[in-house]
Amino acid sequence: MADIVPSIQLNTRGLRCPEPVMMLHQAIRKSKSGDVVEVFATDNSTSWDIPKFCMHLGHELLLQEECLDEQGNKEFHYLVQKG
């Protein structure tokens, strides 16, 4: 994953469903096939919304991880490649 360079980075921290997925959808629409969108989120619902979004629309979920921010708060990190 270290060699993947995202075309677009989305900071959806603090936003609640459905905003993170709506922002991802807009970013995917504007990108070219094969582009990678990186998403940072704090909403737990993204852990099932983003994988379902990818599965239903034919995009590849390259990375889905849960991590801690600088303050020790839980956040989610995704890499989505446009199909």
N, C-alpha and C. Protein backbone atom coordinates (compact mmCIF):
# COMPACT_ATOMS: atom_id res chain seq x y z
N MET A 1 0.81 -1.20 0.00
CA MET A 1 0.00 0.00 0.00
C MET A 1 0.85 1.26 0.00
N ALA A 2 2.12 1.13 0.37
CA ALA A 2 2.99 2.29 0.47
C ALA A 2 3.24 2.95 -0.89
N ASP A 3 3.11 2.19 -1.98
CA ASP A 3 3.39 2.76 -3.30
C ASP A 3 2.15 3.37 -3.96
N ILE A 4 1.01 3.31 -3.30
CA ILE A 4 -0.22 3.90 -3.85
C ILE A 4 -0.28 5.39 -3.52
N VAL A 5 -0.44 6.19 -4.56
CA VAL A 5 -0.56 7.64 -4.38
C VAL A 5 -1.99 8.04 -4.71
N PRO A 6 -2.75 8.48 -3.70
CA PRO A 6 -4.14 8.87 -3.94
C PRO A 6 -4.23 10.11 -4.84
N SER A 7 -5.22 10.10 -5.72
CA SER A 7 -5.49 11.25 -6.58
C SER A 7 -6.24 12.32 -5.80
N ILE A 8 -7.09 11.88 -4.88
CA ILE A 8 -7.93 12.78 -4.08
C ILE A 8 -7.88 12.31 -2.64
N GLN A 9 -7.81 13.25 -1.71
CA GLN A 9 -7.86 12.94 -0.28
C GLN A 9 -9.08 13.64 0.31
N LEU A 10 -9.92 12.86 1.00
CA LEU A 10 -11.12 13.42 1.63
C LEU A 10 -11.00 13.36 3.14
N ASN A 11 -11.18 14.48 3.79
CA ASN A 11 -11.21 14.54 5.24
C ASN A 11 -12.68 14.67 5.65
N THR A 12 -13.28 13.54 6.05
CA THR A 12 -14.68 13.56 6.47
C THR A 12 -14.79 13.42 7.98
N ARG A 13 -13.70 13.70 8.69
CA ARG A 13 -13.71 13.60 10.15
C ARG A 13 -14.78 14.54 10.72
N GLY A 14 -15.57 14.02 11.66
CA GLY A 14 -16.61 14.83 12.28
C GLY A 14 -17.93 14.83 11.54
N LEU A 15 -17.95 14.32 10.32
CA LEU A 15 -19.19 14.26 9.55
C LEU A 15 -19.92 12.95 9.82
N ARG A 16 -21.23 12.99 9.79
CA ARG A 16 -22.06 11.82 10.06
C ARG A 16 -22.72 11.33 8.78
N CYS A 17 -23.13 10.08 8.81
CA CYS A 17 -23.84 9.45 7.71
C CYS A 17 -25.03 10.33 7.31
N PRO A 18 -25.21 10.57 6.05
CA PRO A 18 -24.59 9.97 4.87
C PRO A 18 -23.48 10.82 4.24
N GLU A 19 -23.05 11.90 4.91
CA GLU A 19 -22.10 12.84 4.30
C GLU A 19 -20.78 12.21 3.82
N PRO A 20 -20.12 11.35 4.61
CA PRO A 20 -18.86 10.78 4.11
C PRO A 20 -19.02 10.01 2.79
N VAL A 21 -20.07 9.20 2.69
CA VAL A 21 -20.29 8.42 1.46
C VAL A 21 -20.71 9.34 0.31
N MET A 22 -21.48 10.37 0.60
CA MET A 22 -21.86 11.32 -0.45
C MET A 22 -20.63 12.04 -0.99
N MET A 23 -19.71 12.42 -0.11
CA MET A 23 -18.48 13.08 -0.55
C MET A 23 -17.62 12.12 -1.37
N LEU A 24 -17.54 10.85 -0.94
CA LEU A 24 -16.80 9.85 -1.71
C LEU A 24 -17.43 9.67 -3.08
N HIS A 25 -18.74 9.61 -3.13
CA HIS A 25 -19.44 9.44 -4.41
C HIS A 25 -19.12 10.60 -5.36
N GLN A 26 -19.13 11.82 -4.86
CA GLN A 26 -18.79 12.99 -5.70
C GLN A 26 -17.34 12.91 -6.19
N ALA A 27 -16.43 12.52 -5.30
CA ALA A 27 -15.01 12.43 -5.67
C ALA A 27 -14.79 11.36 -6.73
N ILE A 28 -15.47 10.22 -6.58
CA ILE A 28 -15.36 9.13 -7.56
C ILE A 28 -15.90 9.59 -8.92
N ARG A 29 -17.02 10.30 -8.90
CA ARG A 29 -17.60 10.79 -10.15
C ARG A 29 -16.64 11.70 -10.91
N LYS A 30 -15.90 12.52 -10.19
CA LYS A 30 -14.99 13.49 -10.81
C LYS A 30 -13.66 12.86 -11.24
N SER A 31 -13.35 11.66 -10.75
CA SER A 31 -12.06 11.05 -11.04
C SER A 31 -12.13 10.13 -12.27
N LYS A 32 -10.95 9.71 -12.72
CA LYS A 32 -10.85 8.81 -13.87
C LYS A 32 -10.77 7.37 -13.38
N SER A 33 -11.09 6.44 -14.26
CA SER A 33 -10.98 5.03 -13.93
C SER A 33 -9.56 4.71 -13.49
N GLY A 34 -9.42 4.01 -12.37
CA GLY A 34 -8.11 3.65 -11.84
C GLY A 34 -7.59 4.62 -10.79
N ASP A 35 -8.18 5.83 -10.71
CA ASP A 35 -7.77 6.79 -9.69
C ASP A 35 -8.10 6.25 -8.30
N VAL A 36 -7.31 6.68 -7.32
CA VAL A 36 -7.51 6.25 -5.94
C VAL A 36 -7.93 7.44 -5.08
N VAL A 37 -8.99 7.24 -4.31
CA VAL A 37 -9.48 8.25 -3.38
C VAL A 37 -9.17 7.77 -1.97
N GLU A 38 -8.54 8.63 -1.18
CA GLU A 38 -8.23 8.33 0.21
C GLU A 38 -9.25 9.05 1.09
N VAL A 39 -9.80 8.31 2.07
CA VAL A 39 -10.83 8.87 2.94
C VAL A 39 -10.41 8.68 4.39
N PHE A 40 -10.53 9.76 5.17
CA PHE A 40 -10.35 9.71 6.63
C PHE A 40 -11.71 10.04 7.24
N ALA A 41 -12.18 9.22 8.18
CA ALA A 41 -13.51 9.41 8.75
C ALA A 41 -13.50 9.06 10.24
N THR A 42 -14.49 9.60 10.95
CA THR A 42 -14.66 9.27 12.36
C THR A 42 -16.00 8.59 12.62
N ASP A 43 -16.87 8.56 11.64
CA ASP A 43 -18.20 7.96 11.80
C ASP A 43 -18.10 6.44 11.66
N ASN A 44 -18.54 5.71 12.69
CA ASN A 44 -18.51 4.25 12.67
C ASN A 44 -19.25 3.66 11.48
N SER A 45 -20.30 4.32 11.03
CA SER A 45 -21.10 3.76 9.94
C SER A 45 -20.31 3.64 8.63
N THR A 46 -19.22 4.38 8.50
CA THR A 46 -18.41 4.25 7.27
C THR A 46 -17.81 2.85 7.16
N SER A 47 -17.64 2.15 8.29
CA SER A 47 -17.03 0.82 8.25
C SER A 47 -17.89 -0.19 7.49
N TRP A 48 -19.18 0.08 7.34
CA TRP A 48 -20.01 -0.79 6.49
C TRP A 48 -20.53 -0.04 5.28
N ASP A 49 -20.70 1.28 5.37
CA ASP A 49 -21.21 2.04 4.22
C ASP A 49 -20.23 2.08 3.06
N ILE A 50 -18.95 2.32 3.34
CA ILE A 50 -17.97 2.43 2.25
C ILE A 50 -17.74 1.09 1.56
N PRO A 51 -17.57 -0.02 2.29
CA PRO A 51 -17.46 -1.31 1.58
C PRO A 51 -18.69 -1.64 0.72
N LYS A 52 -19.89 -1.34 1.22
CA LYS A 52 -21.11 -1.59 0.44
C LYS A 52 -21.15 -0.70 -0.80
N PHE A 53 -20.76 0.56 -0.64
CA PHE A 53 -20.69 1.50 -1.75
C PHE A 53 -19.80 0.92 -2.85
N CYS A 54 -18.62 0.44 -2.46
CA CYS A 54 -17.67 -0.12 -3.44
C CYS A 54 -18.25 -1.36 -4.12
N MET A 55 -18.82 -2.26 -3.34
CA MET A 55 -19.35 -3.50 -3.88
C MET A 55 -20.48 -3.24 -4.88
N HIS A 56 -21.39 -2.35 -4.53
CA HIS A 56 -22.55 -2.10 -5.39
C HIS A 56 -22.23 -1.30 -6.64
N LEU A 57 -21.20 -0.46 -6.58
CA LEU A 57 -20.88 0.40 -7.73
C LEU A 57 -19.65 -0.04 -8.50
N GLY A 58 -19.04 -1.17 -8.10
CA GLY A 58 -17.94 -1.73 -8.87
C GLY A 58 -16.59 -1.07 -8.66
N HIS A 59 -16.36 -0.49 -7.50
CA HIS A 59 -15.07 0.10 -7.18
C HIS A 59 -14.33 -0.86 -6.25
N GLU A 60 -13.01 -0.74 -6.20
CA GLU A 60 -12.21 -1.65 -5.38
C GLU A 60 -11.79 -0.97 -4.07
N LEU A 61 -12.10 -1.63 -2.98
CA LEU A 61 -11.68 -1.15 -1.66
C LEU A 61 -10.28 -1.72 -1.42
N LEU A 62 -9.27 -0.88 -1.59
CA LEU A 62 -7.88 -1.31 -1.46
C LEU A 62 -7.44 -1.40 -0.02
N LEU A 63 -8.00 -0.55 0.84
CA LEU A 63 -7.59 -0.50 2.24
C LEU A 63 -8.77 -0.06 3.09
N GLN A 64 -8.94 -0.77 4.19
CA GLN A 64 -9.92 -0.37 5.21
C GLN A 64 -9.24 -0.65 6.54
N GLU A 65 -8.97 0.41 7.31
CA GLU A 65 -8.33 0.20 8.60
C GLU A 65 -8.87 1.16 9.64
N GLU A 66 -8.80 0.72 10.86
CA GLU A 66 -9.19 1.53 12.01
C GLU A 66 -7.89 1.92 12.71
N CYS A 67 -7.74 3.19 13.03
CA CYS A 67 -6.51 3.65 13.67
C CYS A 67 -6.84 4.75 14.68
N LEU A 68 -5.80 5.30 15.29
CA LEU A 68 -5.97 6.39 16.26
C LEU A 68 -5.35 7.65 15.69
N ASP A 69 -6.03 8.79 15.91
CA ASP A 69 -5.47 10.07 15.49
C ASP A 69 -4.45 10.54 16.53
N GLU A 70 -3.93 11.75 16.36
CA GLU A 70 -2.88 12.28 17.25
C GLU A 70 -3.35 12.41 18.70
N GLN A 71 -4.67 12.58 18.89
CA GLN A 71 -5.22 12.73 20.24
C GLN A 71 -5.66 11.39 20.84
N GLY A 72 -5.47 10.31 20.10
CA GLY A 72 -5.87 8.99 20.59
C GLY A 72 -7.32 8.63 20.31
N ASN A 73 -7.99 9.41 19.46
CA ASN A 73 -9.38 9.12 19.10
C ASN A 73 -9.43 8.16 17.91
N LYS A 74 -10.42 7.26 17.92
CA LYS A 74 -10.58 6.29 16.84
C LYS A 74 -10.99 6.99 15.56
N GLU A 75 -10.36 6.58 14.45
CA GLU A 75 -10.78 7.04 13.14
C GLU A 75 -10.59 5.92 12.14
N PHE A 76 -11.15 6.12 10.97
CA PHE A 76 -11.13 5.11 9.92
C PHE A 76 -10.39 5.67 8.70
N HIS A 77 -9.69 4.79 8.01
CA HIS A 77 -8.89 5.16 6.85
C HIS A 77 -9.22 4.20 5.72
N TYR A 78 -9.50 4.74 4.54
CA TYR A 78 -9.87 3.93 3.38
C TYR A 78 -9.12 4.39 2.15
N LEU A 79 -8.84 3.44 1.26
CA LEU A 79 -8.36 3.73 -0.07
C LEU A 79 -9.32 3.05 -1.04
N VAL A 80 -9.93 3.82 -1.92
CA VAL A 80 -10.91 3.31 -2.86
C VAL A 80 -10.42 3.61 -4.27
N GLN A 81 -10.35 2.56 -5.10
CA GLN A 81 -9.94 2.74 -6.50
C GLN A 81 -11.17 2.70 -7.39
N LYS A 82 -11.29 3.72 -8.22
CA LYS A 82 -12.43 3.79 -9.13
C LYS A 82 -12.38 2.65 -10.13
N GLY A 83 -13.50 1.96 -10.28
CA GLY A 83 -13.60 0.84 -11.22
C GLY A 83 -13.82 1.30 -12.64
